[in-house]
Amino acid sequence: MNNDFIHYPVGPVALKMTVAVGIGMLIGMERKWSHKEAGIRTFSIVALLGMLSTLAGHDFIIVAMVGVFLLAIGMNARSLMANESVEITTSAALIANYMLGVLVGMGHIFTPVAGAIVITMLLAWKTELNKFAGGLLPSEIRSAILLGLIGFVIFPVLPNRYVDPWQLFNPSDAWISVIAIAGIGFVNYVFLRVFSTRGLYLGAIFGGLVNSTATVAEVSSRVQNAGTPSKITTLSSLINISMFVRNMLLAAIFVPLSLTATLIPLLAMSCVAALWIWRDYLVEEVDTTPQATIKLASPISLPKVLWFGVLFIIIQAAGILLTRYFGSLGILGTGFFGGLISSASTTVAAATMAAHGQISPAVAGSAAIISSMASALIDLPIVWKTIHDKKIVRTFTYKLLSIILVGIVMIVLDRVFQLSEIFVSYLQ
């Protein structure tokens, strides 16, 4: 037993008791609302037990934990005899609630409070979580497993050095690019699955974060079939703004200073796109199009992982070689042609080169913007092929080209006046 227990000051002990009881009441209220046998009083007492056992000594923590396990066993035995069911979730919450009380007794505040909030959320969202889990496809489950595999199993064993005599290929860099692109794609795919039923506009935003080219192809087909091809300009602008933000985020993850080059062109192009969206909104008739769901393939699969990695290696090797012979113009050219295939891979390749000091952060940011503009250009042949109204196609073309032209002007001004380099040197 802790002999100092009786000498603890009243104030800190009172605070710990308050926090422990509050944690127990929070979780217990949810269990009471769910009509469970263990409610506010049980959870509050168990959390308080965890806090007091910590003050009394480490031996009491183990003894009290055994008591909580026995309580859970008795609760399940009673439930089993009454209605032939067991309270597995409530038992797990009760044990976790005890551990949160122990943490409070050790002097932690944030961890037990945050843990109680998370536990309560998981308990309260039972219907939503079951619905989401029940609607998962086998391919989506495999994608989640593959993401964990590439991030936590394969990456730690890869060498973080160039393995070729030309200093072109670093396995760790290539795999980090795969993790970054696949991870962002998977998270936004989840958002798309959850929110896309609210309509094409929200689906276009999330779809642009996952795969802008595939999203443009699908929405153009949908609006053409629905008899509302004029919506393609607004949808394309939303998709491209999302793609710009995604690429800026990818560049900033690897080289935060690249924001100095990407932010101004991104804001300029986004403002132009937003103006076109606003103009289309003012002249658009009342939307009677049925709500639609954008369906994209799951963003993570073995072929896609290998494709991301190979494409990154090719783009990075080409960028390094062109930069050695042509300076910054070499990586900017690589950014354009690479963006026609995958702006995400091209952006990460340029950012990785900047992280190794092969190019400046400003040049990496410019390459990210150029690859983004090249990716936006792919919208043109897709829409030309899908939309049959020539007037709408012409309007869409000059609106998209105006967005890209603004980006080109900002890039030229940045390169001529070295604005990004000046800003970076000032920050450093």
Protein backbone atom coordinates (compact mmCIF):
# COMPACT_ATOMS: atom_id res chain seq x y z
CA MET A 1 0.00 0.00 0.00
CA ASN A 2 1.15 3.54 -0.72
CA ASN A 3 1.90 5.03 2.71
CA ASP A 4 1.66 8.57 1.32
CA PHE A 5 -2.01 8.00 0.47
CA ILE A 6 -3.33 9.64 3.63
CA HIS A 7 -1.08 12.67 3.15
CA TYR A 8 -2.25 13.64 -0.35
CA PRO A 9 -3.47 17.27 -0.58
CA VAL A 10 -7.23 17.66 -0.81
CA GLY A 11 -7.30 19.82 -3.96
CA PRO A 12 -5.61 17.46 -6.47
CA VAL A 13 -7.52 14.45 -5.08
CA ALA A 14 -10.84 16.29 -5.42
CA LEU A 15 -9.99 17.19 -9.03
CA LYS A 16 -9.15 13.59 -9.85
CA MET A 17 -12.37 12.37 -8.25
CA THR A 18 -14.39 14.88 -10.25
CA VAL A 19 -12.77 13.91 -13.54
CA ALA A 20 -13.14 10.17 -12.85
CA VAL A 21 -16.81 10.48 -11.92
CA GLY A 22 -17.44 12.73 -14.95
CA ILE A 23 -15.87 10.15 -17.26
CA GLY A 24 -17.99 7.38 -15.75
CA MET A 25 -21.16 9.44 -16.01
CA LEU A 26 -20.50 10.28 -19.68
CA ILE A 27 -20.13 6.65 -20.73
CA GLY A 28 -22.79 5.48 -18.29
CA MET A 29 -25.41 7.88 -19.65
CA GLU A 30 -25.01 6.42 -23.12
CA ARG A 31 -25.39 2.90 -21.73
CA LYS A 32 -28.51 3.99 -19.82
CA TRP A 33 -29.98 5.53 -22.98
CA SER A 34 -29.34 2.19 -24.68
CA HIS A 35 -31.35 0.47 -21.90
CA LYS A 36 -28.42 -1.51 -20.50
CA GLU A 37 -28.25 -2.88 -16.97
CA ALA A 38 -24.99 -1.07 -16.16
CA GLY A 39 -25.63 2.66 -16.30
CA ILE A 40 -24.54 5.98 -14.83
CA ARG A 41 -23.93 4.81 -11.26
CA THR A 42 -22.08 1.61 -12.21
CA PHE A 43 -19.73 3.31 -14.64
CA SER A 44 -19.11 6.26 -12.30
CA ILE A 45 -18.25 3.94 -9.40
CA VAL A 46 -15.94 1.80 -11.56
CA ALA A 47 -14.06 4.86 -12.85
CA LEU A 48 -13.78 6.17 -9.30
CA LEU A 49 -12.52 2.74 -8.21
CA GLY A 50 -9.76 2.94 -10.81
CA MET A 51 -8.72 6.38 -9.59
CA LEU A 52 -8.72 5.40 -5.88
CA SER A 53 -6.84 2.15 -6.49
CA THR A 54 -4.06 4.13 -8.17
CA LEU A 55 -3.75 6.41 -5.16
CA ALA A 56 -3.74 3.42 -2.80
CA GLY A 57 -0.93 1.60 -4.60
CA HIS A 58 -0.09 -0.58 -7.61
CA ASP A 59 -1.20 -3.77 -5.86
CA PHE A 60 -4.69 -2.35 -5.47
CA ILE A 61 -4.85 -1.64 -9.22
CA ILE A 62 -4.52 -5.36 -9.96
CA VAL A 63 -6.95 -6.39 -7.22
CA ALA A 64 -9.54 -3.85 -8.34
CA MET A 65 -9.13 -4.92 -11.98
CA VAL A 66 -9.89 -8.50 -10.99
CA GLY A 67 -12.99 -7.19 -9.25
CA VAL A 68 -14.11 -5.37 -12.42
CA PHE A 69 -13.61 -8.57 -14.44
CA LEU A 70 -15.75 -10.48 -11.92
CA LEU A 71 -18.39 -7.77 -12.14
CA ALA A 72 -18.45 -8.09 -15.94
CA ILE A 73 -18.70 -11.87 -15.68
CA GLY A 74 -21.60 -11.61 -13.23
CA MET A 75 -23.37 -9.06 -15.44
CA ASN A 76 -23.07 -11.32 -18.47
CA ALA A 77 -24.21 -14.39 -16.51
CA ARG A 78 -27.33 -12.54 -15.36
CA SER A 79 -28.05 -11.30 -18.87
CA LEU A 80 -27.53 -14.77 -20.29
CA MET A 81 -30.03 -16.30 -17.89
CA ALA A 82 -32.55 -13.51 -18.47
CA ASN A 83 -32.61 -13.20 -22.26
CA GLU A 84 -29.95 -15.62 -23.54
CA SER A 85 -27.60 -12.83 -24.68
CA VAL A 86 -24.28 -11.47 -23.45
CA GLU A 87 -23.25 -7.85 -22.92
CA ILE A 88 -19.89 -7.97 -24.69
CA THR A 89 -19.81 -4.30 -25.69
CA THR A 90 -20.93 -3.06 -22.27
CA SER A 91 -18.36 -5.32 -20.57
CA ALA A 92 -15.57 -3.99 -22.79
CA ALA A 93 -16.70 -0.41 -22.10
CA LEU A 94 -16.75 -1.10 -18.34
CA ILE A 95 -13.18 -2.46 -18.37
CA ALA A 96 -11.97 0.45 -20.52
CA ASN A 97 -13.78 2.82 -18.17
CA TYR A 98 -11.84 1.37 -15.25
CA MET A 99 -8.55 1.90 -17.08
CA LEU A 100 -9.50 5.53 -17.75
CA GLY A 101 -10.05 5.94 -14.01
CA VAL A 102 -6.58 4.50 -13.38
CA LEU A 103 -5.08 7.06 -15.77
CA VAL A 104 -6.88 9.85 -13.92
CA GLY A 105 -5.37 8.57 -10.67
CA MET A 106 -1.91 8.72 -12.28
CA GLY A 107 -2.43 12.41 -13.02
CA HIS A 108 -3.49 12.26 -16.67
CA ILE A 109 -6.35 14.46 -17.82
CA PHE A 110 -6.35 14.70 -21.60
CA THR A 111 -5.93 10.98 -22.33
CA PRO A 112 -8.77 9.68 -20.12
CA VAL A 113 -11.16 12.49 -21.12
CA ALA A 114 -10.44 12.00 -24.82
CA GLY A 115 -10.72 8.24 -24.38
CA ALA A 116 -14.12 8.62 -22.70
CA ILE A 117 -15.37 10.80 -25.55
CA VAL A 118 -14.17 8.31 -28.17
CA ILE A 119 -15.73 5.37 -26.31
CA THR A 120 -19.04 7.23 -26.00
CA MET A 121 -18.99 8.07 -29.70
CA LEU A 122 -18.37 4.44 -30.64
CA LEU A 123 -21.21 3.31 -28.40
CA ALA A 124 -23.66 6.00 -29.56
CA TRP A 125 -22.95 5.44 -33.28
CA LYS A 126 -23.80 1.76 -33.18
CA THR A 127 -26.39 1.96 -35.97
CA GLU A 128 -24.27 4.12 -38.24
CA LEU A 129 -21.12 2.03 -37.73
CA ASN A 130 -22.98 -1.25 -38.30
CA LYS A 131 -24.56 0.18 -41.43
CA PHE A 132 -21.19 1.38 -42.71
CA ALA A 133 -19.44 -1.90 -41.89
CA GLY A 134 -22.27 -3.94 -43.37
CA GLY A 135 -22.08 -1.97 -46.61
CA LEU A 136 -18.36 -2.49 -47.10
CA LEU A 137 -17.34 -4.39 -50.18
CA PRO A 138 -14.65 -7.10 -50.07
CA SER A 139 -12.46 -4.91 -52.29
CA GLU A 140 -12.68 -2.06 -49.76
CA ILE A 141 -11.70 -4.32 -46.88
CA ARG A 142 -8.75 -5.60 -48.92
CA SER A 143 -7.78 -2.00 -49.63
CA ALA A 144 -7.66 -1.16 -45.92
CA ILE A 145 -5.54 -4.24 -45.23
CA LEU A 146 -3.21 -3.39 -48.11
CA LEU A 147 -2.81 0.18 -46.83
CA GLY A 148 -1.72 -1.16 -43.45
CA LEU A 149 0.64 -3.60 -45.14
CA ILE A 150 2.41 -1.01 -47.27
CA GLY A 151 2.59 1.50 -44.42
CA PHE A 152 3.54 -0.57 -41.38
CA VAL A 153 5.09 -3.78 -42.73
CA ILE A 154 6.90 -3.07 -45.99
CA PHE A 155 8.06 0.53 -45.48
CA PRO A 156 10.17 -0.03 -42.30
CA VAL A 157 12.38 -2.65 -44.01
CA LEU A 158 13.18 -0.62 -47.15
CA PRO A 159 16.63 1.04 -47.37
CA ASN A 160 16.58 4.82 -47.13
CA ARG A 161 19.42 5.47 -49.60
CA TYR A 162 20.09 5.52 -53.31
CA VAL A 163 20.78 1.98 -54.49
CA ASP A 164 22.01 2.74 -58.02
CA PRO A 165 25.29 4.34 -59.15
CA TRP A 166 23.44 7.23 -60.87
CA GLN A 167 21.72 8.34 -57.66
CA LEU A 168 18.26 8.03 -59.21
CA PHE A 169 16.38 5.46 -57.12
CA ASN A 170 15.73 5.54 -53.38
CA PRO A 171 13.33 2.71 -52.38
CA SER A 172 12.18 4.49 -49.23
CA ASP A 173 11.29 7.66 -51.15
CA ALA A 174 9.33 5.68 -53.72
CA TRP A 175 7.38 3.84 -51.04
CA ILE A 176 6.62 7.03 -49.08
CA SER A 177 5.03 8.41 -52.24
CA VAL A 178 2.90 5.29 -52.51
CA ILE A 179 1.79 5.62 -48.87
CA ALA A 180 0.97 9.33 -49.21
CA ILE A 181 -1.02 9.01 -52.44
CA ALA A 182 -2.81 5.81 -51.45
CA GLY A 183 -3.56 7.08 -47.93
CA ILE A 184 -5.11 10.36 -49.07
CA GLY A 185 -6.99 8.53 -51.81
CA PHE A 186 -8.39 5.98 -49.35
CA VAL A 187 -9.52 8.58 -46.81
CA ASN A 188 -11.30 10.61 -49.47
CA TYR A 189 -12.79 7.45 -50.95
CA VAL A 190 -14.38 6.83 -47.55
CA PHE A 191 -15.78 10.38 -47.58
CA LEU A 192 -17.09 9.81 -51.08
CA ARG A 193 -18.82 6.61 -49.97
CA VAL A 194 -20.42 8.36 -47.01
CA PHE A 195 -21.49 11.66 -48.58
CA SER A 196 -21.88 11.11 -52.33
CA THR A 197 -25.57 10.27 -52.02
CA ARG A 198 -26.18 13.99 -51.38
CA GLY A 199 -25.63 14.80 -55.03
CA LEU A 200 -23.22 15.26 -57.87
CA TYR A 201 -21.72 18.48 -56.50
CA LEU A 202 -20.50 17.05 -53.21
CA GLY A 203 -19.51 13.87 -55.02
CA ALA A 204 -17.46 15.95 -57.47
CA ILE A 205 -15.53 17.55 -54.60
CA PHE A 206 -14.64 14.26 -52.94
CA GLY A 207 -14.11 12.54 -56.29
CA GLY A 208 -11.60 15.21 -57.32
CA LEU A 209 -9.59 14.41 -54.22
CA VAL A 210 -9.54 10.71 -55.14
CA ASN A 211 -9.12 10.71 -58.94
CA SER A 212 -9.93 13.87 -60.88
CA THR A 213 -9.77 12.30 -64.34
CA ALA A 214 -12.08 9.41 -63.48
CA THR A 215 -14.51 11.80 -61.77
CA VAL A 216 -14.68 14.14 -64.77
CA ALA A 217 -15.34 11.17 -67.04
CA GLU A 218 -18.19 9.97 -64.85
CA VAL A 219 -19.92 13.29 -64.14
CA SER A 220 -19.77 14.32 -67.81
CA SER A 221 -21.50 11.06 -68.74
CA ARG A 222 -24.09 11.52 -65.98
CA VAL A 223 -25.05 15.09 -66.88
CA GLN A 224 -25.25 14.19 -70.58
CA ASN A 225 -27.56 11.25 -69.86
CA ALA A 226 -29.63 13.37 -67.45
CA GLY A 227 -30.18 16.05 -70.09
CA THR A 228 -28.31 18.74 -68.13
CA PRO A 229 -24.92 19.00 -69.90
CA SER A 230 -24.57 22.67 -68.91
CA LYS A 231 -23.65 21.55 -65.40
CA ILE A 232 -20.32 20.18 -66.60
CA THR A 233 -18.57 23.55 -66.20
CA THR A 234 -19.49 23.86 -62.52
CA LEU A 235 -18.70 20.23 -61.79
CA SER A 236 -15.35 20.37 -63.60
CA SER A 237 -14.38 23.50 -61.68
CA LEU A 238 -15.20 21.81 -58.36
CA ILE A 239 -13.21 18.73 -59.36
CA ASN A 240 -10.17 20.74 -60.39
CA ILE A 241 -10.19 22.89 -57.26
CA SER A 242 -10.19 19.68 -55.21
CA MET A 243 -7.34 18.29 -57.29
CA PHE A 244 -5.32 21.51 -56.83
CA VAL A 245 -5.79 21.31 -53.05
CA ARG A 246 -4.80 17.63 -53.00
CA ASN A 247 -1.58 18.26 -54.91
CA MET A 248 -0.70 21.26 -52.75
CA LEU A 249 -1.23 19.08 -49.68
CA LEU A 250 1.01 16.34 -51.10
CA ALA A 251 3.77 18.86 -51.85
CA ALA A 252 3.47 20.45 -48.41
CA ILE A 253 3.73 17.07 -46.65
CA PHE A 254 7.23 16.52 -48.07
CA VAL A 255 8.43 20.14 -48.39
CA PRO A 256 6.40 22.69 -46.39
CA LEU A 257 8.28 25.59 -48.00
CA SER A 258 6.83 24.58 -51.40
CA LEU A 259 3.66 26.34 -50.26
CA THR A 260 5.36 29.61 -51.11
CA ALA A 261 5.20 28.65 -54.80
CA THR A 262 1.92 26.73 -54.86
CA LEU A 263 -0.27 28.99 -52.76
CA ILE A 264 -0.52 32.06 -55.00
CA PRO A 265 -1.17 30.18 -58.30
CA LEU A 266 -3.57 27.86 -56.49
CA LEU A 267 -5.53 30.77 -55.05
CA ALA A 268 -5.57 32.57 -58.40
CA MET A 269 -6.83 29.54 -60.35
CA SER A 270 -9.29 28.63 -57.60
CA CYS A 271 -10.66 32.17 -57.58
CA VAL A 272 -11.22 32.10 -61.33
CA ALA A 273 -12.88 28.69 -61.07
CA ALA A 274 -15.02 29.95 -58.18
CA LEU A 275 -16.09 32.95 -60.27
CA TRP A 276 -17.25 30.65 -63.05
CA ILE A 277 -19.11 28.52 -60.50
CA TRP A 278 -20.78 31.63 -59.11
CA ARG A 279 -21.74 32.85 -62.59
CA ASP A 280 -23.15 29.43 -63.51
CA TYR A 281 -25.13 29.44 -60.25
CA LEU A 282 -26.70 32.81 -61.08
CA VAL A 283 -27.87 31.77 -64.53
CA GLU A 284 -28.68 28.14 -63.71
CA GLU A 285 -32.29 27.03 -63.65
CA VAL A 286 -33.80 25.20 -60.68
CA ASP A 287 -32.07 21.86 -60.33
CA THR A 288 -34.50 19.00 -60.85
CA THR A 289 -31.87 16.37 -61.57
CA PRO A 290 -32.25 13.29 -59.34
CA GLN A 291 -29.56 12.87 -56.72
CA ALA A 292 -26.81 10.64 -58.04
CA THR A 293 -23.90 8.73 -56.61
CA ILE A 294 -20.46 8.87 -58.15
CA LYS A 295 -18.95 5.41 -58.17
CA LEU A 296 -15.18 5.02 -58.31
CA ALA A 297 -13.07 1.92 -57.99
CA SER A 298 -11.47 1.43 -54.58
CA PRO A 299 -8.27 3.53 -54.57
CA ILE A 300 -5.92 0.86 -53.24
CA SER A 301 -5.16 -2.41 -54.97
CA LEU A 302 -1.95 -4.25 -55.75
CA PRO A 303 -1.88 -3.11 -59.43
CA LYS A 304 -2.49 0.51 -58.37
CA VAL A 305 0.19 0.36 -55.68
CA LEU A 306 2.71 -0.98 -58.20
CA TRP A 307 1.57 1.59 -60.76
CA PHE A 308 2.06 4.46 -58.29
CA GLY A 309 5.53 3.19 -57.40
CA VAL A 310 6.72 2.59 -60.97
CA LEU A 311 5.32 5.91 -62.16
CA PHE A 312 7.01 7.73 -59.29
CA ILE A 313 10.37 6.10 -60.10
CA ILE A 314 10.09 6.97 -63.81
CA ILE A 315 9.06 10.57 -63.16
CA GLN A 316 11.69 11.10 -60.47
CA ALA A 317 14.48 9.60 -62.58
CA ALA A 318 13.45 11.70 -65.60
CA GLY A 319 13.18 14.79 -63.42
CA ILE A 320 16.65 14.27 -61.90
CA LEU A 321 18.29 13.70 -65.28
CA LEU A 322 16.56 16.65 -66.94
CA THR A 323 17.36 18.87 -63.99
CA ARG A 324 21.05 17.95 -64.22
CA TYR A 325 21.17 18.94 -67.89
CA PHE A 326 18.58 21.74 -68.14
CA GLY A 327 18.30 23.09 -64.59
CA SER A 328 14.90 24.03 -63.19
CA LEU A 329 13.34 23.97 -66.67
CA GLY A 330 13.94 20.23 -66.76
CA ILE A 331 11.76 19.43 -63.75
CA LEU A 332 9.11 21.90 -64.90
CA GLY A 333 8.90 20.07 -68.23
CA THR A 334 8.70 16.77 -66.38
CA GLY A 335 5.92 18.24 -64.28
CA PHE A 336 3.82 18.97 -67.35
CA PHE A 337 4.20 15.62 -69.11
CA GLY A 338 3.98 13.69 -65.84
CA GLY A 339 0.81 15.59 -64.93
CA LEU A 340 -0.88 14.31 -68.07
CA ILE A 341 -0.55 10.81 -66.58
CA SER A 342 -0.73 11.38 -62.81
CA SER A 343 -0.44 14.79 -61.19
CA ALA A 344 -0.28 13.21 -57.73
CA SER A 345 2.77 11.05 -58.53
CA THR A 346 4.46 13.94 -60.32
CA THR A 347 3.87 16.29 -57.40
CA VAL A 348 5.33 13.85 -54.90
CA ALA A 349 8.34 13.17 -57.16
CA ALA A 350 9.16 16.89 -57.38
CA ALA A 351 8.65 17.36 -53.63
CA THR A 352 10.95 14.41 -52.89
CA MET A 353 13.68 15.92 -55.06
CA ALA A 354 13.34 19.16 -53.13
CA ALA A 355 13.55 17.26 -49.84
CA HIS A 356 16.94 15.88 -50.96
CA GLY A 357 18.19 19.29 -52.07
CA GLN A 358 18.20 18.43 -55.80
CA ILE A 359 15.86 21.33 -56.58
CA SER A 360 14.58 24.25 -54.54
CA PRO A 361 11.24 24.15 -52.70
CA ALA A 362 10.01 26.93 -54.97
CA VAL A 363 10.74 24.90 -58.11
CA ALA A 364 9.04 21.87 -56.57
CA GLY A 365 5.96 24.00 -55.90
CA SER A 366 5.98 25.29 -59.48
CA ALA A 367 6.23 21.72 -60.78
CA ALA A 368 3.22 20.77 -58.64
CA ILE A 369 1.18 23.60 -60.13
CA ILE A 370 2.23 22.73 -63.69
CA SER A 371 1.35 19.07 -63.21
CA SER A 372 -2.02 20.14 -61.79
CA MET A 373 -2.70 22.30 -64.83
CA ALA A 374 -1.69 19.46 -67.13
CA SER A 375 -4.09 17.18 -65.28
CA ALA A 376 -6.87 19.75 -65.74
CA LEU A 377 -6.17 19.81 -69.49
CA ILE A 378 -7.18 16.14 -69.66
CA ASP A 379 -10.74 17.35 -69.02
CA LEU A 380 -10.89 18.78 -72.52
CA PRO A 381 -10.81 15.56 -74.62
CA ILE A 382 -13.07 13.81 -72.09
CA VAL A 383 -15.75 16.51 -72.29
CA TRP A 384 -15.34 16.94 -76.05
CA LYS A 385 -16.08 13.25 -76.50
CA THR A 386 -18.96 13.00 -74.01
CA ILE A 387 -20.95 16.24 -74.27
CA HIS A 388 -22.82 16.56 -77.58
CA ASP A 389 -23.88 20.21 -77.32
CA LYS A 390 -21.22 22.16 -79.24
CA LYS A 391 -22.10 25.48 -77.62
CA ILE A 392 -21.67 24.04 -74.14
CA VAL A 393 -18.39 22.43 -75.19
CA ARG A 394 -17.06 25.75 -76.48
CA THR A 395 -18.11 27.53 -73.28
CA PHE A 396 -16.53 24.82 -71.16
CA THR A 397 -13.31 25.03 -73.18
CA TYR A 398 -12.71 28.75 -72.83
CA LYS A 399 -13.65 28.69 -69.12
CA LEU A 400 -11.17 25.89 -68.39
CA LEU A 401 -8.46 27.51 -70.52
CA SER A 402 -8.97 30.79 -68.64
CA ILE A 403 -8.29 28.99 -65.36
CA ILE A 404 -5.13 27.39 -66.75
CA LEU A 405 -3.99 30.66 -68.35
CA VAL A 406 -4.10 32.39 -64.97
CA GLY A 407 -1.94 29.62 -63.54
CA ILE A 408 0.57 29.97 -66.39
CA VAL A 409 0.79 33.72 -65.86
CA MET A 410 1.45 33.24 -62.15
CA ILE A 411 4.14 30.65 -62.85
CA VAL A 412 5.87 32.91 -65.39
CA LEU A 413 5.79 35.87 -63.02
CA ASP A 414 7.21 33.71 -60.27
CA ARG A 415 10.02 32.41 -62.48
CA VAL A 416 10.88 35.84 -63.89
CA PHE A 417 10.92 37.74 -60.62
CA GLN A 418 11.99 34.80 -58.40
CA LEU A 419 9.24 35.68 -55.93
CA SER A 420 9.13 32.25 -54.32
CA GLU A 421 12.91 32.08 -53.83
CA ILE A 422 12.89 35.51 -52.21
CA PHE A 423 10.08 34.49 -49.89
CA VAL A 424 11.77 31.18 -49.01
CA SER A 425 15.08 32.92 -48.24
CA TYR A 426 13.22 35.37 -46.04
CA LEU A 427 11.54 32.54 -44.12
CA GLN A 428 14.84 30.71 -43.69
